[in-house]
């Protein structure tokens, strides 16, 4: 019985940690606009991550899962090093953390909506 409870506790702890990271819990309720140049892009599951140079500061931007990016019309090659990008999304609830979860992206004047339900 004790082993079963321990196993269940570990599972629940890891599950809630994953939900907190991959959901919206870590974000604030305030949208921000971040304009920068992509320094690196790691795209794929569970979601893409861009490192941006924003006026000399390094920002992390979470973009959508591959299917979400594709649905919005984004292609991986559009998010390559050196590309100027504007991200509208929710900033981290921790003001010391330079991190944003993208809801909308603008590249070369074209707007891509990752989360149409959040417009």
PDB file of N, CA and C in Angstrom:
ATOM      1  N   UNK A   1       0.823  -1.195   0.000  1.00  0.00           N
ATOM      2  CA  UNK A   1       0.000   0.000   0.000  1.00  0.00           C
ATOM      3  C   UNK A   1       0.869   1.262   0.000  1.00  0.00           C
ATOM      4  N   UNK A   2       1.913   1.284   0.838  1.00  0.00           N
ATOM      5  CA  UNK A   2       2.782   2.457   0.898  1.00  0.00           C
ATOM      6  C   UNK A   2       3.504   2.686  -0.426  1.00  0.00           C
ATOM      7  N   UNK A   3       3.945   1.615  -1.054  1.00  0.00           N
ATOM      8  CA  UNK A   3       4.628   1.742  -2.343  1.00  0.00           C
ATOM      9  C   UNK A   3       3.671   2.305  -3.396  1.00  0.00           C
ATOM     10  N   UNK A   4       2.429   1.861  -3.378  1.00  0.00           N
ATOM     11  CA  UNK A   4       1.420   2.353  -4.313  1.00  0.00           C
ATOM     12  C   UNK A   4       1.183   3.849  -4.103  1.00  0.00           C
ATOM     13  N   UNK A   5       1.065   4.291  -2.863  1.00  0.00           N
ATOM     14  CA  UNK A   5       0.863   5.715  -2.567  1.00  0.00           C
ATOM     15  C   UNK A   5       2.066   6.546  -2.999  1.00  0.00           C
ATOM     16  N   UNK A   6       3.259   6.028  -2.776  1.00  0.00           N
ATOM     17  CA  UNK A   6       4.463   6.733  -3.190  1.00  0.00           C
ATOM     18  C   UNK A   6       4.498   6.880  -4.713  1.00  0.00           C
ATOM     19  N   UNK A   7       4.197   5.808  -5.421  1.00  0.00           N
ATOM     20  CA  UNK A   7       4.175   5.844  -6.883  1.00  0.00           C
ATOM     21  C   UNK A   7       3.136   6.838  -7.387  1.00  0.00           C
ATOM     22  N   UNK A   8       1.958   6.811  -6.805  1.00  0.00           N
ATOM     23  CA  UNK A   8       0.898   7.737  -7.195  1.00  0.00           C
ATOM     24  C   UNK A   8       1.306   9.184  -6.922  1.00  0.00           C
ATOM     25  N   UNK A   9       1.920   9.426  -5.792  1.00  0.00           N
ATOM     26  CA  UNK A   9       2.358  10.783  -5.435  1.00  0.00           C
ATOM     27  C   UNK A   9       3.392  11.307  -6.418  1.00  0.00           C
ATOM     28  N   UNK A  10       4.347  10.475  -6.776  1.00  0.00           N
ATOM     29  CA  UNK A  10       5.380  10.879  -7.734  1.00  0.00           C
ATOM     30  C   UNK A  10       4.754  11.182  -9.093  1.00  0.00           C
ATOM     31  N   UNK A  11       3.829  10.333  -9.526  1.00  0.00           N
ATOM     32  CA  UNK A  11       3.157  10.556 -10.802  1.00  0.00           C
ATOM     33  C   UNK A  11       2.395  11.874 -10.796  1.00  0.00           C
ATOM     34  N   UNK A  12       1.624  12.117  -9.756  1.00  0.00           N
ATOM     35  CA  UNK A  12       0.827  13.346  -9.685  1.00  0.00           C
ATOM     36  C   UNK A  12       1.710  14.584  -9.632  1.00  0.00           C
ATOM     37  N   UNK A  13       2.802  14.519  -8.915  1.00  0.00           N
ATOM     38  CA  UNK A  13       3.719  15.650  -8.833  1.00  0.00           C
ATOM     39  C   UNK A  13       4.323  15.960 -10.198  1.00  0.00           C
ATOM     40  N   UNK A  14       4.774  14.935 -10.905  1.00  0.00           N
ATOM     41  CA  UNK A  14       5.373  15.170 -12.221  1.00  0.00           C
ATOM     42  C   UNK A  14       4.322  15.635 -13.224  1.00  0.00           C
ATOM     43  N   UNK A  15       3.104  15.142 -13.125  1.00  0.00           N
ATOM     44  CA  UNK A  15       2.028  15.543 -14.031  1.00  0.00           C
ATOM     45  C   UNK A  15       1.663  17.007 -13.837  1.00  0.00           C
ATOM     46  N   UNK A  16       1.520  17.453 -12.591  1.00  0.00           N
ATOM     47  CA  UNK A  16       1.162  18.851 -12.339  1.00  0.00           C
ATOM     48  C   UNK A  16       2.300  19.787 -12.713  1.00  0.00           C
ATOM     49  N   UNK A  17       3.534  19.359 -12.542  1.00  0.00           N
ATOM     50  CA  UNK A  17       4.676  20.171 -12.965  1.00  0.00           C
ATOM     51  C   UNK A  17       4.664  20.344 -14.479  1.00  0.00           C
ATOM     52  N   UNK A  18       4.393  19.280 -15.202  1.00  0.00           N
ATOM     53  CA  UNK A  18       4.330  19.364 -16.664  1.00  0.00           C
ATOM     54  C   UNK A  18       3.196  20.276 -17.106  1.00  0.00           C
ATOM     55  N   UNK A  19       2.050  20.181 -16.473  1.00  0.00           N
ATOM     56  CA  UNK A  19       0.930  21.054 -16.820  1.00  0.00           C
ATOM     57  C   UNK A  19       1.265  22.514 -16.568  1.00  0.00           C
ATOM     58  N   UNK A  20       1.909  22.790 -15.467  1.00  0.00           N
ATOM     59  CA  UNK A  20       2.256  24.176 -15.139  1.00  0.00           C
ATOM     60  C   UNK A  20       3.199  24.752 -16.187  1.00  0.00           C
ATOM     61  N   UNK A  21       4.143  23.954 -16.664  1.00  0.00           N
ATOM     62  CA  UNK A  21       5.096  24.453 -17.655  1.00  0.00           C
ATOM     63  C   UNK A  21       4.453  24.601 -19.028  1.00  0.00           C
ATOM     64  N   UNK A  22       3.694  23.609 -19.458  1.00  0.00           N
ATOM     65  CA  UNK A  22       3.179  23.614 -20.815  1.00  0.00           C
ATOM     66  C   UNK A  22       1.835  24.298 -20.946  1.00  0.00           C
ATOM     67  N   UNK A  23       1.246  24.712 -19.859  1.00  0.00           N
ATOM     68  CA  UNK A  23       0.008  25.465 -19.912  1.00  0.00           C
ATOM     69  C   UNK A  23       0.302  26.953 -19.885  1.00  0.00           C
ATOM     70  N   UNK A  24      -0.602  27.681 -19.293  1.00  0.00           N
ATOM     71  CA  UNK A  24      -0.479  29.136 -19.208  1.00  0.00           C
ATOM     72  C   UNK A  24      -0.249  29.596 -17.776  1.00  0.00           C
ATOM     73  N   UNK A  25      -0.127  28.689 -16.840  1.00  0.00           N
ATOM     74  CA  UNK A  25      -0.009  29.068 -15.428  1.00  0.00           C
ATOM     75  C   UNK A  25       1.182  29.952 -15.126  1.00  0.00           C
ATOM     76  N   UNK A  26       2.252  29.786 -15.837  1.00  0.00           N
ATOM     77  CA  UNK A  26       3.466  30.560 -15.567  1.00  0.00           C
ATOM     78  C   UNK A  26       3.386  31.975 -16.121  1.00  0.00           C
ATOM     79  N   UNK A  27       2.344  32.274 -16.911  1.00  0.00           N
ATOM     80  CA  UNK A  27       2.228  33.595 -17.520  1.00  0.00           C
ATOM     81  C   UNK A  27       1.392  34.534 -16.664  1.00  0.00           C
ATOM     82  N   UNK A  28       1.550  35.827 -16.951  1.00  0.00           N
ATOM     83  CA  UNK A  28       0.711  36.838 -16.314  1.00  0.00           C
ATOM     84  C   UNK A  28      -0.564  36.970 -17.145  1.00  0.00           C
ATOM     85  N   UNK A  29      -1.487  37.762 -16.686  1.00  0.00           N
ATOM     86  CA  UNK A  29      -2.708  38.002 -17.454  1.00  0.00           C
ATOM     87  C   UNK A  29      -2.559  39.200 -18.388  1.00  0.00           C
ATOM     88  N   UNK A  30      -1.348  39.727 -18.482  1.00  0.00           N
ATOM     89  CA  UNK A  30      -1.106  40.931 -19.263  1.00  0.00           C
ATOM     90  C   UNK A  30      -0.374  40.596 -20.556  1.00  0.00           C
ATOM     91  N   UNK A  31      -0.890  41.107 -21.668  1.00  0.00           N
ATOM     92  CA  UNK A  31      -0.206  40.913 -22.941  1.00  0.00           C
ATOM     93  C   UNK A  31       0.869  41.972 -23.133  1.00  0.00           C
ATOM     94  N   UNK A  32       1.959  41.555 -23.765  1.00  0.00           N
ATOM     95  CA  UNK A  32       3.063  42.456 -24.083  1.00  0.00           C
ATOM     96  C   UNK A  32       3.436  42.264 -25.548  1.00  0.00           C
ATOM     97  N   UNK A  33       4.095  43.272 -26.096  1.00  0.00           N
ATOM     98  CA  UNK A  33       4.645  43.168 -27.441  1.00  0.00           C
ATOM     99  C   UNK A  33       6.161  43.167 -27.312  1.00  0.00           C
ATOM    100  N   UNK A  34       6.784  42.154 -27.876  1.00  0.00           N
ATOM    101  CA  UNK A  34       8.239  42.019 -27.830  1.00  0.00           C
ATOM    102  C   UNK A  34       8.736  42.024 -29.271  1.00  0.00           C
ATOM    103  N   UNK A  35       9.652  42.951 -29.575  1.00  0.00           N
ATOM    104  CA  UNK A  35      10.221  43.055 -30.922  1.00  0.00           C
ATOM    105  C   UNK A  35      11.714  42.767 -30.817  1.00  0.00           C
ATOM    106  N   UNK A  36      12.166  41.789 -31.581  1.00  0.00           N
ATOM    107  CA  UNK A  36      13.572  41.432 -31.507  1.00  0.00           C
ATOM    108  C   UNK A  36      14.035  40.678 -32.735  1.00  0.00           C
ATOM    109  N   UNK A  37      15.258  40.200 -32.652  1.00  0.00           N
ATOM    110  CA  UNK A  37      15.874  39.424 -33.731  1.00  0.00           C
ATOM    111  C   UNK A  37      16.147  38.022 -33.195  1.00  0.00           C
ATOM    112  N   UNK A  38      15.757  37.020 -33.966  1.00  0.00           N
ATOM    113  CA  UNK A  38      15.944  35.632 -33.546  1.00  0.00           C
ATOM    114  C   UNK A  38      17.431  35.291 -33.540  1.00  0.00           C
ATOM    115  N   UNK A  39      17.907  34.818 -32.387  1.00  0.00           N
ATOM    116  CA  UNK A  39      19.293  34.344 -32.270  1.00  0.00           C
ATOM    117  C   UNK A  39      19.372  32.841 -32.465  1.00  0.00           C
ATOM    118  N   UNK A  40      18.349  32.135 -31.981  1.00  0.00           N
ATOM    119  CA  UNK A  40      18.299  30.685 -32.187  1.00  0.00           C
ATOM    120  C   UNK A  40      16.852  30.228 -32.100  1.00  0.00           C
ATOM    121  N   UNK A  41      16.593  29.108 -32.756  1.00  0.00           N
ATOM    122  CA  UNK A  41      15.246  28.538 -32.769  1.00  0.00           C
ATOM    123  C   UNK A  41      15.341  27.033 -32.571  1.00  0.00           C
ATOM    124  N   UNK A  42      14.592  26.542 -31.603  1.00  0.00           N
ATOM    125  CA  UNK A  42      14.448  25.109 -31.382  1.00  0.00           C
ATOM    126  C   UNK A  42      12.973  24.810 -31.581  1.00  0.00           C
ATOM    127  N   UNK A  43      12.648  24.223 -32.721  1.00  0.00           N
ATOM    128  CA  UNK A  43      11.251  24.013 -33.074  1.00  0.00           C
ATOM    129  C   UNK A  43      10.919  22.532 -33.011  1.00  0.00           C
ATOM    130  N   UNK A  44       9.692  22.236 -32.685  1.00  0.00           N
ATOM    131  CA  UNK A  44       9.256  20.851 -32.564  1.00  0.00           C
ATOM    132  C   UNK A  44       8.423  20.674 -31.318  1.00  0.00           C
ATOM    133  N   UNK A  45       8.189  19.431 -30.961  1.00  0.00           N
ATOM    134  CA  UNK A  45       7.357  19.130 -29.793  1.00  0.00           C
ATOM    135  C   UNK A  45       8.154  19.243 -28.514  1.00  0.00           C
ATOM    136  N   UNK A  46       7.594  19.602 -27.387  1.00  0.00           N
ATOM    137  CA  UNK A  46       6.173  19.904 -27.219  1.00  0.00           C
ATOM    138  C   UNK A  46       5.788  21.291 -27.724  1.00  0.00           C
ATOM    139  N   UNK A  47       6.743  22.198 -27.900  1.00  0.00           N
ATOM    140  CA  UNK A  47       6.497  23.519 -28.486  1.00  0.00           C
ATOM    141  C   UNK A  47       7.846  24.102 -28.888  1.00  0.00           C
ATOM    142  N   UNK A  48       7.796  25.094 -29.758  1.00  0.00           N
ATOM    143  CA  UNK A  48       9.028  25.733 -30.183  1.00  0.00           C
ATOM    144  C   UNK A  48       9.501  26.772 -29.187  1.00  0.00           C
ATOM    145  N   UNK A  49      10.808  26.995 -29.180  1.00  0.00           N
ATOM    146  CA  UNK A  49      11.406  28.009 -28.311  1.00  0.00           C
ATOM    147  C   UNK A  49      12.353  28.857 -29.156  1.00  0.00           C
ATOM    148  N   UNK A  50      12.154  30.172 -29.083  1.00  0.00           N
ATOM    149  CA  UNK A  50      13.026  31.117 -29.765  1.00  0.00           C
ATOM    150  C   UNK A  50      13.806  31.899 -28.726  1.00  0.00           C
ATOM    151  N   UNK A  51      15.074  32.142 -29.000  1.00  0.00           N
ATOM    152  CA  UNK A  51      15.874  33.056 -28.183  1.00  0.00           C
ATOM    153  C   UNK A  51      16.012  34.322 -29.015  1.00  0.00           C
ATOM    154  N   UNK A  52      15.601  35.444 -28.436  1.00  0.00           N
ATOM    155  CA  UNK A  52      15.582  36.717 -29.146  1.00  0.00           C
ATOM    156  C   UNK A  52      16.557  37.704 -28.528  1.00  0.00           C
ATOM    157  N   UNK A  53      17.139  38.528 -29.380  1.00  0.00           N
ATOM    158  CA  UNK A  53      17.899  39.687 -28.922  1.00  0.00           C
ATOM    159  C   UNK A  53      16.939  40.867 -28.998  1.00  0.00           C
ATOM    160  N   UNK A  54      16.573  41.394 -27.835  1.00  0.00           N
ATOM    161  CA  UNK A  54      15.654  42.525 -27.742  1.00  0.00           C
ATOM    162  C   UNK A  54      16.422  43.676 -27.101  1.00  0.00           C
ATOM    163  N   UNK A  55      16.943  44.554 -27.939  1.00  0.00           N
ATOM    164  CA  UNK A  55      17.721  45.706 -27.469  1.00  0.00           C
ATOM    165  C   UNK A  55      18.818  45.292 -26.486  1.00  0.00           C
ATOM    166  N   UNK A  56      19.539  44.228 -26.845  1.00  0.00           N
ATOM    167  CA  UNK A  56      20.653  43.762 -26.028  1.00  0.00           C
ATOM    168  C   UNK A  56      20.280  42.802 -24.914  1.00  0.00           C
ATOM    169  N   UNK A  57      18.998  42.576 -24.705  1.00  0.00           N
ATOM    170  CA  UNK A  57      18.557  41.612 -23.687  1.00  0.00           C
ATOM    171  C   UNK A  57      18.140  40.317 -24.373  1.00  0.00           C
ATOM    172  N   UNK A  58      18.393  39.197 -23.705  1.00  0.00           N
ATOM    173  CA  UNK A  58      18.012  37.889 -24.233  1.00  0.00           C
ATOM    174  C   UNK A  58      16.629  37.509 -23.701  1.00  0.00           C
ATOM    175  N   UNK A  59      15.676  37.375 -24.605  1.00  0.00           N
ATOM    176  CA  UNK A  59      14.322  36.959 -24.265  1.00  0.00           C
ATOM    177  C   UNK A  59      14.098  35.543 -24.779  1.00  0.00           C
ATOM    178  N   UNK A  60      13.303  34.777 -24.049  1.00  0.00           N
ATOM    179  CA  UNK A  60      12.861  33.462 -24.489  1.00  0.00           C
ATOM    180  C   UNK A  60      11.401  33.591 -24.891  1.00  0.00           C
ATOM    181  N   UNK A  61      11.080  33.110 -26.086  1.00  0.00           N
ATOM    182  CA  UNK A  61       9.703  33.148 -26.571  1.00  0.00           C
ATOM    183  C   UNK A  61       9.254  31.729 -26.883  1.00  0.00           C
ATOM    184  N   UNK A  62       8.172  31.312 -26.247  1.00  0.00           N
ATOM    185  CA  UNK A  62       7.581  30.015 -26.570  1.00  0.00           C
ATOM    186  C   UNK A  62       6.586  30.223 -27.693  1.00  0.00           C
ATOM    187  N   UNK A  63       6.773  29.481 -28.774  1.00  0.00           N
ATOM    188  CA  UNK A  63       5.822  29.515 -29.881  1.00  0.00           C
ATOM    189  C   UNK A  63       5.024  28.220 -29.838  1.00  0.00           C
ATOM    190  N   UNK A  64       4.148  28.021 -30.796  1.00  0.00           N
ATOM    191  CA  UNK A  64       3.245  26.882 -30.737  1.00  0.00           C
ATOM    192  C   UNK A  64       3.888  25.539 -31.043  1.00  0.00           C
ATOM    193  N   UNK A  65       3.073  24.515 -30.853  1.00  0.00           N
ATOM    194  CA  UNK A  65       3.451  23.173 -31.270  1.00  0.00           C
ATOM    195  C   UNK A  65       3.519  23.175 -32.799  1.00  0.00           C
ATOM    196  N   UNK A  66       4.204  22.205 -33.398  1.00  0.00           N
ATOM    197  CA  UNK A  66       4.319  22.195 -34.861  1.00  0.00           C
ATOM    198  C   UNK A  66       2.971  22.308 -35.581  1.00  0.00           C
ATOM    199  N   UNK A  67       1.947  21.591 -35.125  1.00  0.00           N
ATOM    200  CA  UNK A  67       0.643  21.649 -35.792  1.00  0.00           C
ATOM    201  C   UNK A  67       0.012  23.033 -35.656  1.00  0.00           C
ATOM    202  N   UNK A  68       0.230  23.698 -34.519  1.00  0.00           N
ATOM    203  CA  UNK A  68      -0.347  25.030 -34.296  1.00  0.00           C
ATOM    204  C   UNK A  68       0.343  26.063 -35.199  1.00  0.00           C
ATOM    205  N   UNK A  69       1.668  25.978 -35.292  1.00  0.00           N
ATOM    206  CA  UNK A  69       2.406  26.884 -36.174  1.00  0.00           C
ATOM    207  C   UNK A  69       1.963  26.693 -37.625  1.00  0.00           C
ATOM    208  N   UNK A  70       1.836  25.436 -38.034  1.00  0.00           N
ATOM    209  CA  UNK A  70       1.429  25.124 -39.402  1.00  0.00           C
ATOM    210  C   UNK A  70       0.023  25.657 -39.679  1.00  0.00           C
ATOM    211  N   UNK A  71      -0.887  25.473 -38.738  1.00  0.00           N
ATOM    212  CA  UNK A  71      -2.262  25.957 -38.896  1.00  0.00           C
ATOM    213  C   UNK A  71      -2.287  27.481 -39.057  1.00  0.00           C
ATOM    214  N   UNK A  72      -1.370  28.165 -38.362  1.00  0.00           N
ATOM    215  CA  UNK A  72      -1.295  29.628 -38.446  1.00  0.00           C
ATOM    216  C   UNK A  72      -0.633  30.098 -39.743  1.00  0.00           C
ATOM    217  N   UNK A  73       0.006  29.178 -40.473  1.00  0.00           N
ATOM    218  CA  UNK A  73       0.684  29.537 -41.714  1.00  0.00           C
ATOM    219  C   UNK A  73       2.181  29.732 -41.567  1.00  0.00           C
ATOM    220  N   UNK A  74       2.708  29.463 -40.379  1.00  0.00           N
ATOM    221  CA  UNK A  74       4.148  29.606 -40.131  1.00  0.00           C
ATOM    222  C   UNK A  74       4.903  28.376 -40.611  1.00  0.00           C
ATOM    223  N   UNK A  75       6.071  28.617 -41.177  1.00  0.00           N
ATOM    224  CA  UNK A  75       6.966  27.527 -41.556  1.00  0.00           C
ATOM    225  C   UNK A  75       8.235  27.668 -40.732  1.00  0.00           C
ATOM    226  N   UNK A  76       8.869  26.558 -40.426  1.00  0.00           N
ATOM    227  CA  UNK A  76      10.079  26.582 -39.596  1.00  0.00           C
ATOM    228  C   UNK A  76      11.133  27.539 -40.144  1.00  0.00           C
ATOM    229  N   UNK A  77      11.325  27.533 -41.461  1.00  0.00           N
ATOM    230  CA  UNK A  77      12.372  28.376 -42.047  1.00  0.00           C
ATOM    231  C   UNK A  77      12.092  29.871 -41.881  1.00  0.00           C
ATOM    232  N   UNK A  78      10.858  30.244 -41.597  1.00  0.00           N
ATOM    233  CA  UNK A  78      10.521  31.651 -41.356  1.00  0.00           C
ATOM    234  C   UNK A  78      11.065  32.129 -40.010  1.00  0.00           C
ATOM    235  N   UNK A  79      11.311  31.191 -39.098  1.00  0.00           N
ATOM    236  CA  UNK A  79      11.779  31.534 -37.755  1.00  0.00           C
ATOM    237  C   UNK A  79      13.251  31.151 -37.610  1.00  0.00           C
ATOM    238  N   UNK A  80      14.069  31.662 -38.518  1.00  0.00           N
ATOM    239  CA  UNK A  80      15.491  31.322 -38.507  1.00  0.00           C
ATOM    240  C   UNK A  80      16.320  32.472 -37.940  1.00  0.00           C
ATOM    241  N   UNK A  81      17.549  32.151 -37.617  1.00  0.00           N
ATOM    242  CA  UNK A  81      18.478  33.128 -37.040  1.00  0.00           C
ATOM    243  C   UNK A  81      18.567  34.370 -37.929  1.00  0.00           C
ATOM    244  N   UNK A  82      18.502  35.539 -37.287  1.00  0.00           N
ATOM    245  CA  UNK A  82      18.615  36.803 -37.995  1.00  0.00           C
ATOM    246  C   UNK A  82      17.293  37.423 -38.411  1.00  0.00           C
ATOM    247  N   UNK A  83      16.199  36.689 -38.265  1.00  0.00           N
ATOM    248  CA  UNK A  83      14.882  37.197 -38.647  1.00  0.00           C
ATOM    249  C   UNK A  83      14.349  38.146 -37.581  1.00  0.00           C
ATOM    250  N   UNK A  84      13.874  39.316 -38.023  1.00  0.00           N
ATOM    251  CA  UNK A  84      13.219  40.226 -37.084  1.00  0.00           C
ATOM    252  C   UNK A  84      11.791  39.734 -36.869  1.00  0.00           C
ATOM    253  N   UNK A  85      11.368  39.735 -35.623  1.00  0.00           N
ATOM    254  CA  UNK A  85      10.070  39.175 -35.267  1.00  0.00           C
ATOM    255  C   UNK A  85       9.406  40.042 -34.201  1.00  0.00           C
ATOM    256  N   UNK A  86       8.099  40.159 -34.313  1.00  0.00           N
ATOM    257  CA  UNK A  86       7.299  40.821 -33.284  1.00  0.00           C
ATOM    258  C   UNK A  86       6.395  39.764 -32.679  1.00  0.00           C
ATOM    259  N   UNK A  87       6.418  39.683 -31.367  1.00  0.00           N
ATOM    260  CA  UNK A  87       5.595  38.704 -30.665  1.00  0.00           C
ATOM    261  C   UNK A  87       4.637  39.433 -29.746  1.00  0.00           C
ATOM    262  N   UNK A  88       3.368  39.086 -29.865  1.00  0.00           N
ATOM    263  CA  UNK A  88       2.350  39.572 -28.942  1.00  0.00           C
ATOM    264  C   UNK A  88       1.906  38.360 -28.145  1.00  0.00           C
ATOM    265  N   UNK A  89       2.045  38.450 -26.840  1.00  0.00           N
ATOM    266  CA  UNK A  89       1.679  37.312 -26.012  1.00  0.00           C
ATOM    267  C   UNK A  89       1.721  37.662 -24.548  1.00  0.00           C
ATOM    268  N   UNK A  90       1.662  36.641 -23.725  1.00  0.00           N
ATOM    269  CA  UNK A  90       1.647  36.842 -22.281  1.00  0.00           C
ATOM    270  C   UNK A  90       3.036  36.641 -21.707  1.00  0.00           C
ATOM    271  N   UNK A  91       3.453  37.639 -20.937  1.00  0.00           N
ATOM    272  CA  UNK A  91       4.761  37.604 -20.303  1.00  0.00           C
ATOM    273  C   UNK A  91       4.726  36.700 -19.075  1.00  0.00           C
ATOM    274  N   UNK A  92       5.890  36.243 -18.696  1.00  0.00           N
ATOM    275  CA  UNK A  92       6.034  35.455 -17.473  1.00  0.00           C
ATOM    276  C   UNK A  92       5.509  36.246 -16.284  1.00  0.00           C
ATOM    277  N   UNK A  93       4.879  35.550 -15.359  1.00  0.00           N
ATOM    278  CA  UNK A  93       4.393  36.189 -14.134  1.00  0.00           C
ATOM    279  C   UNK A  93       5.552  36.641 -13.254  1.00  0.00           C
ATOM    280  N   UNK A  94       6.731  36.072 -13.468  1.00  0.00           N
ATOM    281  CA  UNK A  94       7.927  36.487 -12.737  1.00  0.00           C
ATOM    282  C   UNK A  94       8.569  37.645 -13.500  1.00  0.00           C
ATOM    283  N   UNK A  95       8.497  38.872 -12.973  1.00  0.00           N
ATOM    284  CA  UNK A  95       9.000  40.032 -13.710  1.00  0.00           C
ATOM    285  C   UNK A  95      10.504  39.990 -13.991  1.00  0.00           C
ATOM    286  N   UNK A  96      11.249  39.157 -13.263  1.00  0.00           N
ATOM    287  CA  UNK A  96      12.691  39.034 -13.507  1.00  0.00           C
ATOM    288  C   UNK A  96      12.988  38.146 -14.714  1.00  0.00           C
ATOM    289  N   UNK A  97      12.002  37.359 -15.116  1.00  0.00           N
ATOM    290  CA  UNK A  97      12.187  36.406 -16.210  1.00  0.00           C
ATOM    291  C   UNK A  97      11.775  37.045 -17.537  1.00  0.00           C
ATOM    292  N   UNK A  98      12.683  37.113 -18.478  1.00  0.00           N
ATOM    293  CA  UNK A  98      12.418  37.678 -19.800  1.00  0.00           C
ATOM    294  C   UNK A  98      11.896  36.558 -20.699  1.00  0.00           C
ATOM    295  N   UNK A  99      10.630  36.261 -20.546  1.00  0.00           N
ATOM    296  CA  UNK A  99      10.020  35.120 -21.230  1.00  0.00           C
ATOM    297  C   UNK A  99       8.585  35.469 -21.599  1.00  0.00           C
ATOM    298  N   UNK A 100       8.181  35.077 -22.794  1.00  0.00           N
ATOM    299  CA  UNK A 100       6.838  35.367 -23.279  1.00  0.00           C
ATOM    300  C   UNK A 100       6.290  34.142 -24.004  1.00  0.00           C
ATOM    301  N   UNK A 101       4.993  33.913 -23.851  1.00  0.00           N
ATOM    302  CA  UNK A 101       4.310  32.853 -24.598  1.00  0.00           C
ATOM    303  C   UNK A 101       3.565  33.531 -25.742  1.00  0.00           C
ATOM    304  N   UNK A 102       3.966  33.223 -26.966  1.00  0.00           N
ATOM    305  CA  UNK A 102       3.428  33.904 -28.146  1.00  0.00           C
ATOM    306  C   UNK A 102       1.987  33.493 -28.422  1.00  0.00           C
ATOM    307  N   UNK A 103       1.144  34.496 -28.628  1.00  0.00           N
ATOM    308  CA  UNK A 103      -0.221  34.273 -29.098  1.00  0.00           C
ATOM    309  C   UNK A 103      -0.328  34.651 -30.576  1.00  0.00           C
ATOM    310  N   UNK A 104       0.398  35.713 -30.938  1.00  0.00           N
ATOM    311  CA  UNK A 104       0.437  36.203 -32.309  1.00  0.00           C
ATOM    312  C   UNK A 104       1.879  36.575 -32.648  1.00  0.00           C
ATOM    313  N   UNK A 105       2.254  36.365 -33.917  1.00  0.00           N
ATOM    314  CA  UNK A 105       3.614  36.648 -34.385  1.00  0.00           C
ATOM    315  C   UNK A 105       3.516  37.459 -35.674  1.00  0.00           C
ATOM    316  N   UNK A 106       4.403  38.434 -35.817  1.00  0.00           N
ATOM    317  CA  UNK A 106       4.499  39.190 -37.069  1.00  0.00           C
ATOM    318  C   UNK A 106       5.919  39.025 -37.609  1.00  0.00           C
ATOM    319  N   UNK A 107       6.004  38.553 -38.863  1.00  0.00           N
ATOM    320  CA  UNK A 107       7.279  38.415 -39.572  1.00  0.00           C
ATOM    321  C   UNK A 107       7.085  39.043 -40.951  1.00  0.00           C
ATOM    322  N   UNK A 108       7.988  39.935 -41.325  1.00  0.00           N
ATOM    323  CA  UNK A 108       7.913  40.621 -42.627  1.00  0.00           C
ATOM    324  C   UNK A 108       6.541  41.259 -42.866  1.00  0.00           C
ATOM    325  N   UNK A 109       5.965  41.835 -41.820  1.00  0.00           N
ATOM    326  CA  UNK A 109       4.687  42.537 -41.944  1.00  0.00           C
ATOM    327  C   UNK A 109       3.461  41.648 -41.982  1.00  0.00           C
ATOM    328  N   UNK A 110       3.643  40.328 -41.947  1.00  0.00           N
ATOM    329  CA  UNK A 110       2.501  39.404 -41.976  1.00  0.00           C
ATOM    330  C   UNK A 110       2.240  38.861 -40.581  1.00  0.00           C
ATOM    331  N   UNK A 111       0.976  38.871 -40.204  1.00  0.00           N
ATOM    332  CA  UNK A 111       0.555  38.441 -38.863  1.00  0.00           C
ATOM    333  C   UNK A 111       0.115  36.978 -38.888  1.00  0.00           C
ATOM    334  N   UNK A 112       0.615  36.209 -37.922  1.00  0.00           N
ATOM    335  CA  UNK A 112       0.275  34.797 -37.771  1.00  0.00           C
ATOM    336  C   UNK A 112      -0.349  34.611 -36.390  1.00  0.00           C
ATOM    337  N   UNK A 113      -1.569  34.105 -36.366  1.00  0.00           N
ATOM    338  CA  UNK A 113      -2.295  33.947 -35.105  1.00  0.00           C
ATOM    339  C   UNK A 113      -2.192  32.490 -34.658  1.00  0.00           C
ATOM    340  N   UNK A 114      -1.464  32.274 -33.562  1.00  0.00           N
ATOM    341  CA  UNK A 114      -1.279  30.919 -33.044  1.00  0.00           C
ATOM    342  C   UNK A 114      -2.473  30.458 -32.219  1.00  0.00           C
ATOM    343  N   UNK A 115      -3.077  31.374 -31.494  1.00  0.00           N
ATOM    344  CA  UNK A 115      -4.197  31.048 -30.609  1.00  0.00           C
ATOM    345  C   UNK A 115      -5.393  31.919 -30.967  1.00  0.00           C
ATOM    346  N   UNK A 116      -6.143  31.567 -32.021  1.00  0.00           N
ATOM    347  CA  UNK A 116      -7.282  32.400 -32.423  1.00  0.00           C
ATOM    348  C   UNK A 116      -8.342  32.525 -31.329  1.00  0.00           C
ATOM    349  N   UNK A 117      -8.428  31.530 -30.487  1.00  0.00           N
ATOM    350  CA  UNK A 117      -9.421  31.564 -29.405  1.00  0.00           C
ATOM    351  C   UNK A 117      -9.052  32.573 -28.322  1.00  0.00           C
ATOM    352  N   UNK A 118      -7.842  33.100 -28.345  1.00  0.00           N
ATOM    353  CA  UNK A 118      -7.392  34.059 -27.333  1.00  0.00           C
ATOM    354  C   UNK A 118      -7.389  35.489 -27.867  1.00  0.00           C
ATOM    355  N   UNK A 119      -7.903  35.710 -29.061  1.00  0.00           N
ATOM    356  CA  UNK A 119      -7.938  37.069 -29.635  1.00  0.00           C
ATOM    357  C   UNK A 119      -8.968  37.924 -28.960  1.00  0.00           C
TER     358      UNK A 119
END
